[in-house]
């Protein structure tokens, strides 16, 4: 567990910028809120290993609510802002890992 920008980030070996045991590159600096437990985790694997329930992605009807945390500056972003940010924090310009897009459906409810 790590406190970043006043938010608690849960997971496995979470560092001060939200890197974890599973993702540890210089761009792995975000944490995602899962709708099932309303907690931040650096990745879906951290959620799997740290909880006793199945992950539920952030629902589309809540994309205007904060659900993504920048591990560099601690800014909480809405899902919409994160998805439209071109892999950079709109607050501090930190680079985010574009590889997260490969499993975005685990973090965000897919559209129709």
PDB file of N, CA and C in Angstrom:
ATOM      1  N   UNK A   1       0.855  -1.183   0.000  1.00  0.00           N
ATOM      2  CA  UNK A   1       0.000   0.000   0.000  1.00  0.00           C
ATOM      3  C   UNK A   1       0.893   1.235   0.000  1.00  0.00           C
ATOM      4  N   UNK A   2       0.458   2.240  -0.719  1.00  0.00           N
ATOM      5  CA  UNK A   2       1.218   3.473  -0.840  1.00  0.00           C
ATOM      6  C   UNK A   2       0.247   4.652  -0.877  1.00  0.00           C
ATOM      7  N   UNK A   3       0.605   5.752  -0.264  1.00  0.00           N
ATOM      8  CA  UNK A   3      -0.225   6.953  -0.329  1.00  0.00           C
ATOM      9  C   UNK A   3       0.388   7.895  -1.361  1.00  0.00           C
ATOM     10  N   UNK A   4      -0.418   8.274  -2.342  1.00  0.00           N
ATOM     11  CA  UNK A   4       0.035   9.149  -3.420  1.00  0.00           C
ATOM     12  C   UNK A   4      -1.001  10.243  -3.620  1.00  0.00           C
ATOM     13  N   UNK A   5      -0.599  11.465  -3.439  1.00  0.00           N
ATOM     14  CA  UNK A   5      -1.522  12.583  -3.601  1.00  0.00           C
ATOM     15  C   UNK A   5      -2.739  12.496  -2.700  1.00  0.00           C
ATOM     16  N   UNK A   6      -2.570  11.903  -1.529  1.00  0.00           N
ATOM     17  CA  UNK A   6      -3.682  11.760  -0.597  1.00  0.00           C
ATOM     18  C   UNK A   6      -4.593  10.580  -0.898  1.00  0.00           C
ATOM     19  N   UNK A   7      -4.223   9.759  -1.884  1.00  0.00           N
ATOM     20  CA  UNK A   7      -5.008   8.585  -2.260  1.00  0.00           C
ATOM     21  C   UNK A   7      -4.219   7.325  -1.918  1.00  0.00           C
ATOM     22  N   UNK A   8      -4.901   6.314  -1.428  1.00  0.00           N
ATOM     23  CA  UNK A   8      -4.252   5.049  -1.117  1.00  0.00           C
ATOM     24  C   UNK A   8      -4.260   4.159  -2.355  1.00  0.00           C
ATOM     25  N   UNK A   9      -3.079   3.639  -2.687  1.00  0.00           N
ATOM     26  CA  UNK A   9      -2.944   2.720  -3.818  1.00  0.00           C
ATOM     27  C   UNK A   9      -2.590   1.354  -3.247  1.00  0.00           C
ATOM     28  N   UNK A  10      -3.406   0.369  -3.554  1.00  0.00           N
ATOM     29  CA  UNK A  10      -3.233  -0.994  -3.072  1.00  0.00           C
ATOM     30  C   UNK A  10      -2.525  -1.820  -4.141  1.00  0.00           C
ATOM     31  N   UNK A  11      -1.904  -2.906  -3.730  1.00  0.00           N
ATOM     32  CA  UNK A  11      -1.282  -3.783  -4.709  1.00  0.00           C
ATOM     33  C   UNK A  11      -0.062  -4.487  -4.147  1.00  0.00           C
ATOM     34  N   UNK A  12       0.751  -5.014  -5.067  1.00  0.00           N
ATOM     35  CA  UNK A  12       1.925  -5.801  -4.709  1.00  0.00           C
ATOM     36  C   UNK A  12       3.185  -4.972  -4.947  1.00  0.00           C
ATOM     37  N   UNK A  13       3.922  -4.709  -3.884  1.00  0.00           N
ATOM     38  CA  UNK A  13       5.169  -3.930  -3.955  1.00  0.00           C
ATOM     39  C   UNK A  13       4.966  -2.591  -4.659  1.00  0.00           C
ATOM     40  N   UNK A  14       3.956  -1.847  -4.250  1.00  0.00           N
ATOM     41  CA  UNK A  14       3.638  -0.552  -4.863  1.00  0.00           C
ATOM     42  C   UNK A  14       4.687   0.477  -4.436  1.00  0.00           C
ATOM     43  N   UNK A  15       5.257   1.152  -5.440  1.00  0.00           N
ATOM     44  CA  UNK A  15       6.269   2.168  -5.180  1.00  0.00           C
ATOM     45  C   UNK A  15       5.658   3.554  -5.082  1.00  0.00           C
ATOM     46  N   UNK A  16       6.485   4.563  -4.848  1.00  0.00           N
ATOM     47  CA  UNK A  16       5.993   5.925  -4.624  1.00  0.00           C
ATOM     48  C   UNK A  16       5.356   6.596  -5.846  1.00  0.00           C
ATOM     49  N   UNK A  17       5.520   6.013  -7.043  1.00  0.00           N
ATOM     50  CA  UNK A  17       4.884   6.561  -8.246  1.00  0.00           C
ATOM     51  C   UNK A  17       3.939   5.557  -8.895  1.00  0.00           C
ATOM     52  N   UNK A  18       3.446   4.609  -8.137  1.00  0.00           N
ATOM     53  CA  UNK A  18       2.466   3.572  -8.510  1.00  0.00           C
ATOM     54  C   UNK A  18       3.039   2.407  -9.312  1.00  0.00           C
ATOM     55  N   UNK A  19       4.357   2.344  -9.491  1.00  0.00           N
ATOM     56  CA  UNK A  19       4.908   1.137 -10.120  1.00  0.00           C
ATOM     57  C   UNK A  19       4.670  -0.028  -9.162  1.00  0.00           C
ATOM     58  N   UNK A  20       4.655  -1.242  -9.714  1.00  0.00           N
ATOM     59  CA  UNK A  20       4.354  -2.405  -8.877  1.00  0.00           C
ATOM     60  C   UNK A  20       5.229  -3.583  -9.258  1.00  0.00           C
ATOM     61  N   UNK A  21       4.975  -4.722  -8.640  1.00  0.00           N
ATOM     62  CA  UNK A  21       5.740  -5.938  -8.906  1.00  0.00           C
ATOM     63  C   UNK A  21       5.566  -6.416 -10.345  1.00  0.00           C
ATOM     64  N   UNK A  22       4.477  -6.037 -10.992  1.00  0.00           N
ATOM     65  CA  UNK A  22       4.162  -6.531 -12.336  1.00  0.00           C
ATOM     66  C   UNK A  22       4.578  -5.583 -13.450  1.00  0.00           C
ATOM     67  N   UNK A  23       4.507  -4.299 -13.189  1.00  0.00           N
ATOM     68  CA  UNK A  23       4.822  -3.272 -14.194  1.00  0.00           C
ATOM     69  C   UNK A  23       5.716  -2.224 -13.542  1.00  0.00           C
ATOM     70  N   UNK A  24       6.951  -2.113 -14.059  1.00  0.00           N
ATOM     71  CA  UNK A  24       7.951  -1.298 -13.366  1.00  0.00           C
ATOM     72  C   UNK A  24       8.816  -0.471 -14.311  1.00  0.00           C
ATOM     73  N   UNK A  25       8.249  -0.024 -15.436  1.00  0.00           N
ATOM     74  CA  UNK A  25       9.029   0.829 -16.332  1.00  0.00           C
ATOM     75  C   UNK A  25       8.861   2.287 -15.918  1.00  0.00           C
ATOM     76  N   UNK A  26       9.626   3.163 -16.543  1.00  0.00           N
ATOM     77  CA  UNK A  26       9.526   4.584 -16.209  1.00  0.00           C
ATOM     78  C   UNK A  26       8.162   5.162 -16.553  1.00  0.00           C
ATOM     79  N   UNK A  27       7.394   4.497 -17.422  1.00  0.00           N
ATOM     80  CA  UNK A  27       6.068   4.984 -17.807  1.00  0.00           C
ATOM     81  C   UNK A  27       4.922   4.331 -17.046  1.00  0.00           C
ATOM     82  N   UNK A  28       5.217   3.400 -16.173  1.00  0.00           N
ATOM     83  CA  UNK A  28       4.172   2.734 -15.379  1.00  0.00           C
ATOM     84  C   UNK A  28       3.864   3.553 -14.141  1.00  0.00           C
ATOM     85  N   UNK A  29       3.179   4.681 -14.368  1.00  0.00           N
ATOM     86  CA  UNK A  29       2.932   5.648 -13.295  1.00  0.00           C
ATOM     87  C   UNK A  29       1.453   6.033 -13.194  1.00  0.00           C
ATOM     88  N   UNK A  30       0.577   5.039 -13.324  1.00  0.00           N
ATOM     89  CA  UNK A  30      -0.848   5.277 -13.119  1.00  0.00           C
ATOM     90  C   UNK A  30      -1.410   4.181 -12.234  1.00  0.00           C
ATOM     91  N   UNK A  31      -2.517   4.496 -11.584  1.00  0.00           N
ATOM     92  CA  UNK A  31      -3.282   3.505 -10.832  1.00  0.00           C
ATOM     93  C   UNK A  31      -4.735   3.654 -11.260  1.00  0.00           C
ATOM     94  N   UNK A  32      -5.420   2.539 -11.325  1.00  0.00           N
ATOM     95  CA  UNK A  32      -6.803   2.502 -11.801  1.00  0.00           C
ATOM     96  C   UNK A  32      -7.742   2.109 -10.672  1.00  0.00           C
ATOM     97  N   UNK A  33      -8.918   2.708 -10.653  1.00  0.00           N
ATOM     98  CA  UNK A  33      -9.947   2.320  -9.693  1.00  0.00           C
ATOM     99  C   UNK A  33     -10.820   1.251 -10.333  1.00  0.00           C
ATOM    100  N   UNK A  34     -11.066   0.198  -9.594  1.00  0.00           N
ATOM    101  CA  UNK A  34     -11.976  -0.847 -10.051  1.00  0.00           C
ATOM    102  C   UNK A  34     -13.338  -0.614  -9.406  1.00  0.00           C
ATOM    103  N   UNK A  35     -14.394  -0.751 -10.190  1.00  0.00           N
ATOM    104  CA  UNK A  35     -15.754  -0.457  -9.713  1.00  0.00           C
ATOM    105  C   UNK A  35     -16.204  -1.409  -8.609  1.00  0.00           C
ATOM    106  N   UNK A  36     -15.650  -2.605  -8.569  1.00  0.00           N
ATOM    107  CA  UNK A  36     -16.067  -3.599  -7.582  1.00  0.00           C
ATOM    108  C   UNK A  36     -15.717  -3.204  -6.157  1.00  0.00           C
ATOM    109  N   UNK A  37     -14.608  -2.493  -5.986  1.00  0.00           N
ATOM    110  CA  UNK A  37     -14.166  -2.174  -4.627  1.00  0.00           C
ATOM    111  C   UNK A  37     -13.814  -0.698  -4.438  1.00  0.00           C
ATOM    112  N   UNK A  38     -13.865   0.081  -5.531  1.00  0.00           N
ATOM    113  CA  UNK A  38     -13.607   1.524  -5.464  1.00  0.00           C
ATOM    114  C   UNK A  38     -12.234   1.815  -4.844  1.00  0.00           C
ATOM    115  N   UNK A  39     -11.244   0.997  -5.196  1.00  0.00           N
ATOM    116  CA  UNK A  39      -9.873   1.178  -4.714  1.00  0.00           C
ATOM    117  C   UNK A  39      -8.926   1.301  -5.899  1.00  0.00           C
ATOM    118  N   UNK A  40      -7.872   2.095  -5.698  1.00  0.00           N
ATOM    119  CA  UNK A  40      -6.836   2.218  -6.722  1.00  0.00           C
ATOM    120  C   UNK A  40      -5.872   1.043  -6.658  1.00  0.00           C
ATOM    121  N   UNK A  41      -5.521   0.507  -7.855  1.00  0.00           N
ATOM    122  CA  UNK A  41      -4.502  -0.522  -8.007  1.00  0.00           C
ATOM    123  C   UNK A  41      -3.647  -0.148  -9.212  1.00  0.00           C
ATOM    124  N   UNK A  42      -2.329  -0.413  -9.176  1.00  0.00           N
ATOM    125  CA  UNK A  42      -1.484  -0.102 -10.319  1.00  0.00           C
ATOM    126  C   UNK A  42      -1.816  -0.927 -11.565  1.00  0.00           C
ATOM    127  N   UNK A  43      -2.341  -2.133 -11.357  1.00  0.00           N
ATOM    128  CA  UNK A  43      -2.640  -2.989 -12.513  1.00  0.00           C
ATOM    129  C   UNK A  43      -3.665  -4.057 -12.132  1.00  0.00           C
ATOM    130  N   UNK A  44      -4.173  -4.736 -13.152  1.00  0.00           N
ATOM    131  CA  UNK A  44      -5.173  -5.780 -12.930  1.00  0.00           C
ATOM    132  C   UNK A  44      -4.579  -6.959 -12.173  1.00  0.00           C
ATOM    133  N   UNK A  45      -3.296  -7.222 -12.357  1.00  0.00           N
ATOM    134  CA  UNK A  45      -2.669  -8.327 -11.633  1.00  0.00           C
ATOM    135  C   UNK A  45      -2.582  -8.030 -10.130  1.00  0.00           C
ATOM    136  N   UNK A  46      -2.290  -6.777  -9.790  1.00  0.00           N
ATOM    137  CA  UNK A  46      -2.285  -6.395  -8.371  1.00  0.00           C
ATOM    138  C   UNK A  46      -3.662  -6.607  -7.754  1.00  0.00           C
ATOM    139  N   UNK A  47      -4.709  -6.251  -8.513  1.00  0.00           N
ATOM    140  CA  UNK A  47      -6.067  -6.455  -8.008  1.00  0.00           C
ATOM    141  C   UNK A  47      -6.328  -7.943  -7.805  1.00  0.00           C
ATOM    142  N   UNK A  48      -5.963  -8.766  -8.783  1.00  0.00           N
ATOM    143  CA  UNK A  48      -6.158 -10.219  -8.694  1.00  0.00           C
ATOM    144  C   UNK A  48      -5.490 -10.802  -7.447  1.00  0.00           C
ATOM    145  N   UNK A  49      -4.253 -10.374  -7.192  1.00  0.00           N
ATOM    146  CA  UNK A  49      -3.471 -10.948  -6.107  1.00  0.00           C
ATOM    147  C   UNK A  49      -3.805 -10.367  -4.729  1.00  0.00           C
ATOM    148  N   UNK A  50      -4.476  -9.231  -4.715  1.00  0.00           N
ATOM    149  CA  UNK A  50      -4.719  -8.546  -3.439  1.00  0.00           C
ATOM    150  C   UNK A  50      -6.156  -8.607  -2.949  1.00  0.00           C
ATOM    151  N   UNK A  51      -7.054  -9.169  -3.753  1.00  0.00           N
ATOM    152  CA  UNK A  51      -8.461  -9.209  -3.353  1.00  0.00           C
ATOM    153  C   UNK A  51      -8.999 -10.636  -3.427  1.00  0.00           C
ATOM    154  N   UNK A  52     -10.201 -10.796  -2.928  1.00  0.00           N
ATOM    155  CA  UNK A  52     -10.860 -12.105  -2.980  1.00  0.00           C
ATOM    156  C   UNK A  52     -12.100 -12.051  -3.864  1.00  0.00           C
ATOM    157  N   UNK A  53     -12.114 -11.113  -4.804  1.00  0.00           N
ATOM    158  CA  UNK A  53     -13.265 -10.980  -5.694  1.00  0.00           C
ATOM    159  C   UNK A  53     -12.797 -10.679  -7.120  1.00  0.00           C
ATOM    160  N   UNK A  54     -13.694 -10.878  -8.051  1.00  0.00           N
ATOM    161  CA  UNK A  54     -13.407 -10.630  -9.461  1.00  0.00           C
ATOM    162  C   UNK A  54     -13.411  -9.123  -9.737  1.00  0.00           C
ATOM    163  N   UNK A  55     -12.497  -8.702 -10.573  1.00  0.00           N
ATOM    164  CA  UNK A  55     -12.402  -7.283 -10.929  1.00  0.00           C
ATOM    165  C   UNK A  55     -13.580  -6.863 -11.808  1.00  0.00           C
ATOM    166  N   UNK A  56     -14.088  -5.666 -11.537  1.00  0.00           N
ATOM    167  CA  UNK A  56     -15.145  -5.067 -12.352  1.00  0.00           C
ATOM    168  C   UNK A  56     -14.603  -3.751 -12.883  1.00  0.00           C
ATOM    169  N   UNK A  57     -14.527  -3.610 -14.225  1.00  0.00           N
ATOM    170  CA  UNK A  57     -13.989  -2.371 -14.791  1.00  0.00           C
ATOM    171  C   UNK A  57     -14.874  -1.163 -14.497  1.00  0.00           C
ATOM    172  N   UNK A  58     -14.278   0.032 -14.612  1.00  0.00           N
ATOM    173  CA  UNK A  58     -14.991   1.286 -14.367  1.00  0.00           C
ATOM    174  C   UNK A  58     -16.092   1.433 -15.405  1.00  0.00           C
ATOM    175  N   UNK A  59     -17.348   1.657 -14.973  1.00  0.00           N
ATOM    176  CA  UNK A  59     -18.484   1.703 -15.912  1.00  0.00           C
ATOM    177  C   UNK A  59     -18.515   2.984 -16.747  1.00  0.00           C
ATOM    178  N   UNK A  60     -18.965   2.832 -17.976  1.00  0.00           N
ATOM    179  CA  UNK A  60     -19.032   3.964 -18.920  1.00  0.00           C
ATOM    180  C   UNK A  60     -19.872   5.116 -18.375  1.00  0.00           C
ATOM    181  N   UNK A  61     -20.917   4.806 -17.640  1.00  0.00           N
ATOM    182  CA  UNK A  61     -21.770   5.888 -17.134  1.00  0.00           C
ATOM    183  C   UNK A  61     -21.120   6.665 -15.986  1.00  0.00           C
ATOM    184  N   UNK A  62     -19.891   6.279 -15.621  1.00  0.00           N
ATOM    185  CA  UNK A  62     -19.141   7.006 -14.581  1.00  0.00           C
ATOM    186  C   UNK A  62     -17.807   7.551 -15.113  1.00  0.00           C
ATOM    187  N   UNK A  63     -17.656   7.607 -16.429  1.00  0.00           N
ATOM    188  CA  UNK A  63     -16.407   8.082 -17.025  1.00  0.00           C
ATOM    189  C   UNK A  63     -16.115   9.540 -16.698  1.00  0.00           C
ATOM    190  N   UNK A  64     -17.104  10.268 -16.197  1.00  0.00           N
ATOM    191  CA  UNK A  64     -16.884  11.666 -15.818  1.00  0.00           C
ATOM    192  C   UNK A  64     -16.451  11.803 -14.354  1.00  0.00           C
ATOM    193  N   UNK A  65     -16.219  10.687 -13.680  1.00  0.00           N
ATOM    194  CA  UNK A  65     -15.764  10.686 -12.289  1.00  0.00           C
ATOM    195  C   UNK A  65     -14.287  10.288 -12.231  1.00  0.00           C
ATOM    196  N   UNK A  66     -13.579  10.767 -11.231  1.00  0.00           N
ATOM    197  CA  UNK A  66     -12.172  10.416 -11.062  1.00  0.00           C
ATOM    198  C   UNK A  66     -12.022   8.922 -10.846  1.00  0.00           C
ATOM    199  N   UNK A  67     -11.132   8.310 -11.629  1.00  0.00           N
ATOM    200  CA  UNK A  67     -10.912   6.874 -11.497  1.00  0.00           C
ATOM    201  C   UNK A  67      -9.490   6.452 -11.856  1.00  0.00           C
ATOM    202  N   UNK A  68      -8.669   7.403 -12.279  1.00  0.00           N
ATOM    203  CA  UNK A  68      -7.280   7.115 -12.637  1.00  0.00           C
ATOM    204  C   UNK A  68      -6.389   8.101 -11.886  1.00  0.00           C
ATOM    205  N   UNK A  69      -5.311   7.590 -11.335  1.00  0.00           N
ATOM    206  CA  UNK A  69      -4.406   8.420 -10.540  1.00  0.00           C
ATOM    207  C   UNK A  69      -3.049   8.497 -11.220  1.00  0.00           C
ATOM    208  N   UNK A  70      -2.546   9.715 -11.420  1.00  0.00           N
ATOM    209  CA  UNK A  70      -1.181   9.899 -11.907  1.00  0.00           C
ATOM    210  C   UNK A  70      -0.243   9.691 -10.729  1.00  0.00           C
ATOM    211  N   UNK A  71       0.668   8.757 -10.863  1.00  0.00           N
ATOM    212  CA  UNK A  71       1.601   8.468  -9.794  1.00  0.00           C
ATOM    213  C   UNK A  71       2.709   9.495  -9.648  1.00  0.00           C
ATOM    214  N   UNK A  72       2.893  10.340 -10.647  1.00  0.00           N
ATOM    215  CA  UNK A  72       3.943  11.354 -10.579  1.00  0.00           C
ATOM    216  C   UNK A  72       3.489  12.572  -9.781  1.00  0.00           C
ATOM    217  N   UNK A  73       2.327  13.125 -10.138  1.00  0.00           N
ATOM    218  CA  UNK A  73       1.870  14.349  -9.463  1.00  0.00           C
ATOM    219  C   UNK A  73       0.711  14.122  -8.494  1.00  0.00           C
ATOM    220  N   UNK A  74       0.113  12.924  -8.516  1.00  0.00           N
ATOM    221  CA  UNK A  74      -0.982  12.618  -7.600  1.00  0.00           C
ATOM    222  C   UNK A  74      -2.333  13.141  -8.034  1.00  0.00           C
ATOM    223  N   UNK A  75      -2.438  13.608  -9.290  1.00  0.00           N
ATOM    224  CA  UNK A  75      -3.716  14.110  -9.792  1.00  0.00           C
ATOM    225  C   UNK A  75      -4.656  12.957 -10.096  1.00  0.00           C
ATOM    226  N   UNK A  76      -5.899  13.077  -9.629  1.00  0.00           N
ATOM    227  CA  UNK A  76      -6.942  12.102  -9.948  1.00  0.00           C
ATOM    228  C   UNK A  76      -7.635  12.564 -11.226  1.00  0.00           C
ATOM    229  N   UNK A  77      -7.651  11.693 -12.221  1.00  0.00           N
ATOM    230  CA  UNK A  77      -8.226  12.004 -13.530  1.00  0.00           C
ATOM    231  C   UNK A  77      -9.526  11.248 -13.726  1.00  0.00           C
ATOM    232  N   UNK A  78     -10.440  11.831 -14.488  1.00  0.00           N
ATOM    233  CA  UNK A  78     -11.615  11.072 -14.890  1.00  0.00           C
ATOM    234  C   UNK A  78     -11.172  10.041 -15.915  1.00  0.00           C
ATOM    235  N   UNK A  79     -11.963   9.013 -16.095  1.00  0.00           N
ATOM    236  CA  UNK A  79     -11.659   8.018 -17.111  1.00  0.00           C
ATOM    237  C   UNK A  79     -11.596   8.677 -18.487  1.00  0.00           C
ATOM    238  N   UNK A  80     -12.523   9.577 -18.749  1.00  0.00           N
ATOM    239  CA  UNK A  80     -12.538  10.275 -20.044  1.00  0.00           C
ATOM    240  C   UNK A  80     -11.254  11.069 -20.258  1.00  0.00           C
ATOM    241  N   UNK A  81     -10.817  11.805 -19.254  1.00  0.00           N
ATOM    242  CA  UNK A  81      -9.592  12.602 -19.379  1.00  0.00           C
ATOM    243  C   UNK A  81      -8.384  11.713 -19.632  1.00  0.00           C
ATOM    244  N   UNK A  82      -8.298  10.596 -18.925  1.00  0.00           N
ATOM    245  CA  UNK A  82      -7.185   9.662 -19.121  1.00  0.00           C
ATOM    246  C   UNK A  82      -7.201   9.094 -20.543  1.00  0.00           C
ATOM    247  N   UNK A  83      -8.359   8.642 -20.977  1.00  0.00           N
ATOM    248  CA  UNK A  83      -8.459   8.014 -22.299  1.00  0.00           C
ATOM    249  C   UNK A  83      -8.227   8.994 -23.446  1.00  0.00           C
ATOM    250  N   UNK A  84      -8.443  10.278 -23.200  1.00  0.00           N
ATOM    251  CA  UNK A  84      -8.239  11.302 -24.230  1.00  0.00           C
ATOM    252  C   UNK A  84      -6.879  11.987 -24.123  1.00  0.00           C
ATOM    253  N   UNK A  85      -6.049  11.590 -23.172  1.00  0.00           N
ATOM    254  CA  UNK A  85      -4.819  12.323 -22.855  1.00  0.00           C
ATOM    255  C   UNK A  85      -3.606  11.954 -23.702  1.00  0.00           C
ATOM    256  N   UNK A  86      -3.739  11.050 -24.637  1.00  0.00           N
ATOM    257  CA  UNK A  86      -2.626  10.659 -25.511  1.00  0.00           C
ATOM    258  C   UNK A  86      -1.407  10.190 -24.703  1.00  0.00           C
ATOM    259  N   UNK A  87      -1.669   9.379 -23.674  1.00  0.00           N
ATOM    260  CA  UNK A  87      -0.636   8.741 -22.859  1.00  0.00           C
ATOM    261  C   UNK A  87       0.278   9.723 -22.123  1.00  0.00           C
ATOM    262  N   UNK A  88      -0.297  10.849 -21.702  1.00  0.00           N
ATOM    263  CA  UNK A  88       0.436  11.831 -20.891  1.00  0.00           C
ATOM    264  C   UNK A  88      -0.524  12.403 -19.852  1.00  0.00           C
ATOM    265  N   UNK A  89       0.005  12.723 -18.689  1.00  0.00           N
ATOM    266  CA  UNK A  89      -0.829  13.349 -17.663  1.00  0.00           C
ATOM    267  C   UNK A  89      -1.150  14.780 -18.084  1.00  0.00           C
ATOM    268  N   UNK A  90      -2.427  15.139 -18.134  1.00  0.00           N
ATOM    269  CA  UNK A  90      -2.783  16.502 -18.509  1.00  0.00           C
ATOM    270  C   UNK A  90      -2.374  17.544 -17.462  1.00  0.00           C
ATOM    271  N   UNK A  91      -2.062  17.101 -16.248  1.00  0.00           N
ATOM    272  CA  UNK A  91      -1.668  18.034 -15.191  1.00  0.00           C
ATOM    273  C   UNK A  91      -0.159  18.285 -15.156  1.00  0.00           C
ATOM    274  N   UNK A  92       0.654  17.219 -15.276  1.00  0.00           N
ATOM    275  CA  UNK A  92       2.106  17.374 -15.123  1.00  0.00           C
ATOM    276  C   UNK A  92       2.904  16.950 -16.347  1.00  0.00           C
ATOM    277  N   UNK A  93       2.237  16.410 -17.361  1.00  0.00           N
ATOM    278  CA  UNK A  93       2.846  15.976 -18.621  1.00  0.00           C
ATOM    279  C   UNK A  93       3.706  14.719 -18.487  1.00  0.00           C
ATOM    280  N   UNK A  94       3.589  13.983 -17.383  1.00  0.00           N
ATOM    281  CA  UNK A  94       4.318  12.718 -17.241  1.00  0.00           C
ATOM    282  C   UNK A  94       3.827  11.743 -18.303  1.00  0.00           C
ATOM    283  N   UNK A  95       4.753  10.979 -18.861  1.00  0.00           N
ATOM    284  CA  UNK A  95       4.403   9.990 -19.886  1.00  0.00           C
ATOM    285  C   UNK A  95       3.797   8.746 -19.242  1.00  0.00           C
ATOM    286  N   UNK A  96       2.678   8.287 -19.812  1.00  0.00           N
ATOM    287  CA  UNK A  96       2.028   7.054 -19.365  1.00  0.00           C
ATOM    288  C   UNK A  96       2.374   5.930 -20.342  1.00  0.00           C
ATOM    289  N   UNK A  97       2.290   4.703 -19.888  1.00  0.00           N
ATOM    290  CA  UNK A  97       2.607   3.540 -20.707  1.00  0.00           C
ATOM    291  C   UNK A  97       1.500   3.279 -21.731  1.00  0.00           C
ATOM    292  N   UNK A  98       1.805   3.420 -23.033  1.00  0.00           N
ATOM    293  CA  UNK A  98       0.778   3.148 -24.047  1.00  0.00           C
ATOM    294  C   UNK A  98       0.385   1.675 -24.104  1.00  0.00           C
ATOM    295  N   UNK A  99       1.200   0.802 -23.516  1.00  0.00           N
ATOM    296  CA  UNK A  99       0.881  -0.618 -23.486  1.00  0.00           C
ATOM    297  C   UNK A  99      -0.369  -0.939 -22.691  1.00  0.00           C
ATOM    298  N   UNK A 100      -0.770  -0.041 -21.798  1.00  0.00           N
ATOM    299  CA  UNK A 100      -1.990  -0.259 -21.017  1.00  0.00           C
ATOM    300  C   UNK A 100      -3.219  -0.360 -21.918  1.00  0.00           C
ATOM    301  N   UNK A 101      -3.152   0.223 -23.096  1.00  0.00           N
ATOM    302  CA  UNK A 101      -4.281   0.178 -24.030  1.00  0.00           C
ATOM    303  C   UNK A 101      -4.609  -1.256 -24.441  1.00  0.00           C
ATOM    304  N   UNK A 102      -3.620  -2.142 -24.395  1.00  0.00           N
ATOM    305  CA  UNK A 102      -3.838  -3.537 -24.785  1.00  0.00           C
ATOM    306  C   UNK A 102      -4.818  -4.253 -23.863  1.00  0.00           C
ATOM    307  N   UNK A 103      -4.932  -3.786 -22.633  1.00  0.00           N
ATOM    308  CA  UNK A 103      -5.877  -4.412 -21.703  1.00  0.00           C
ATOM    309  C   UNK A 103      -6.788  -3.370 -21.052  1.00  0.00           C
ATOM    310  N   UNK A 104      -7.112  -2.336 -21.800  1.00  0.00           N
ATOM    311  CA  UNK A 104      -7.991  -1.264 -21.295  1.00  0.00           C
ATOM    312  C   UNK A 104      -9.357  -1.796 -20.888  1.00  0.00           C
ATOM    313  N   UNK A 105      -9.815  -2.866 -21.534  1.00  0.00           N
ATOM    314  CA  UNK A 105     -11.127  -3.429 -21.200  1.00  0.00           C
ATOM    315  C   UNK A 105     -11.159  -4.015 -19.789  1.00  0.00           C
ATOM    316  N   UNK A 106      -9.996  -4.251 -19.194  1.00  0.00           N
ATOM    317  CA  UNK A 106      -9.949  -4.731 -17.809  1.00  0.00           C
ATOM    318  C   UNK A 106     -10.115  -3.588 -16.819  1.00  0.00           C
ATOM    319  N   UNK A 107      -9.844  -2.355 -17.290  1.00  0.00           N
ATOM    320  CA  UNK A 107      -9.943  -1.170 -16.439  1.00  0.00           C
ATOM    321  C   UNK A 107     -11.199  -0.347 -16.704  1.00  0.00           C
ATOM    322  N   UNK A 108     -11.629  -0.338 -17.965  1.00  0.00           N
ATOM    323  CA  UNK A 108     -12.765   0.498 -18.374  1.00  0.00           C
ATOM    324  C   UNK A 108     -13.777  -0.343 -19.143  1.00  0.00           C
ATOM    325  N   UNK A 109     -15.036  -0.163 -18.805  1.00  0.00           N
ATOM    326  CA  UNK A 109     -16.096  -0.875 -19.509  1.00  0.00           C
ATOM    327  C   UNK A 109     -16.033  -0.503 -20.997  1.00  0.00           C
ATOM    328  N   UNK A 110     -15.957  -1.509 -21.868  1.00  0.00           N
ATOM    329  CA  UNK A 110     -15.887  -1.214 -23.305  1.00  0.00           C
ATOM    330  C   UNK A 110     -17.172  -0.578 -23.826  1.00  0.00           C
ATOM    331  N   UNK A 111     -17.041   0.201 -24.896  1.00  0.00           N
ATOM    332  CA  UNK A 111     -18.207   0.811 -25.535  1.00  0.00           C
ATOM    333  C   UNK A 111     -18.897  -0.172 -26.442  1.00  0.00           C
ATOM    334  N   UNK A 112     -20.001   0.266 -26.999  1.00  0.00           N
ATOM    335  CA  UNK A 112     -20.778  -0.619 -27.883  1.00  0.00           C
ATOM    336  C   UNK A 112     -20.138  -0.768 -29.237  1.00  0.00           C
TER     337      UNK A 112
END
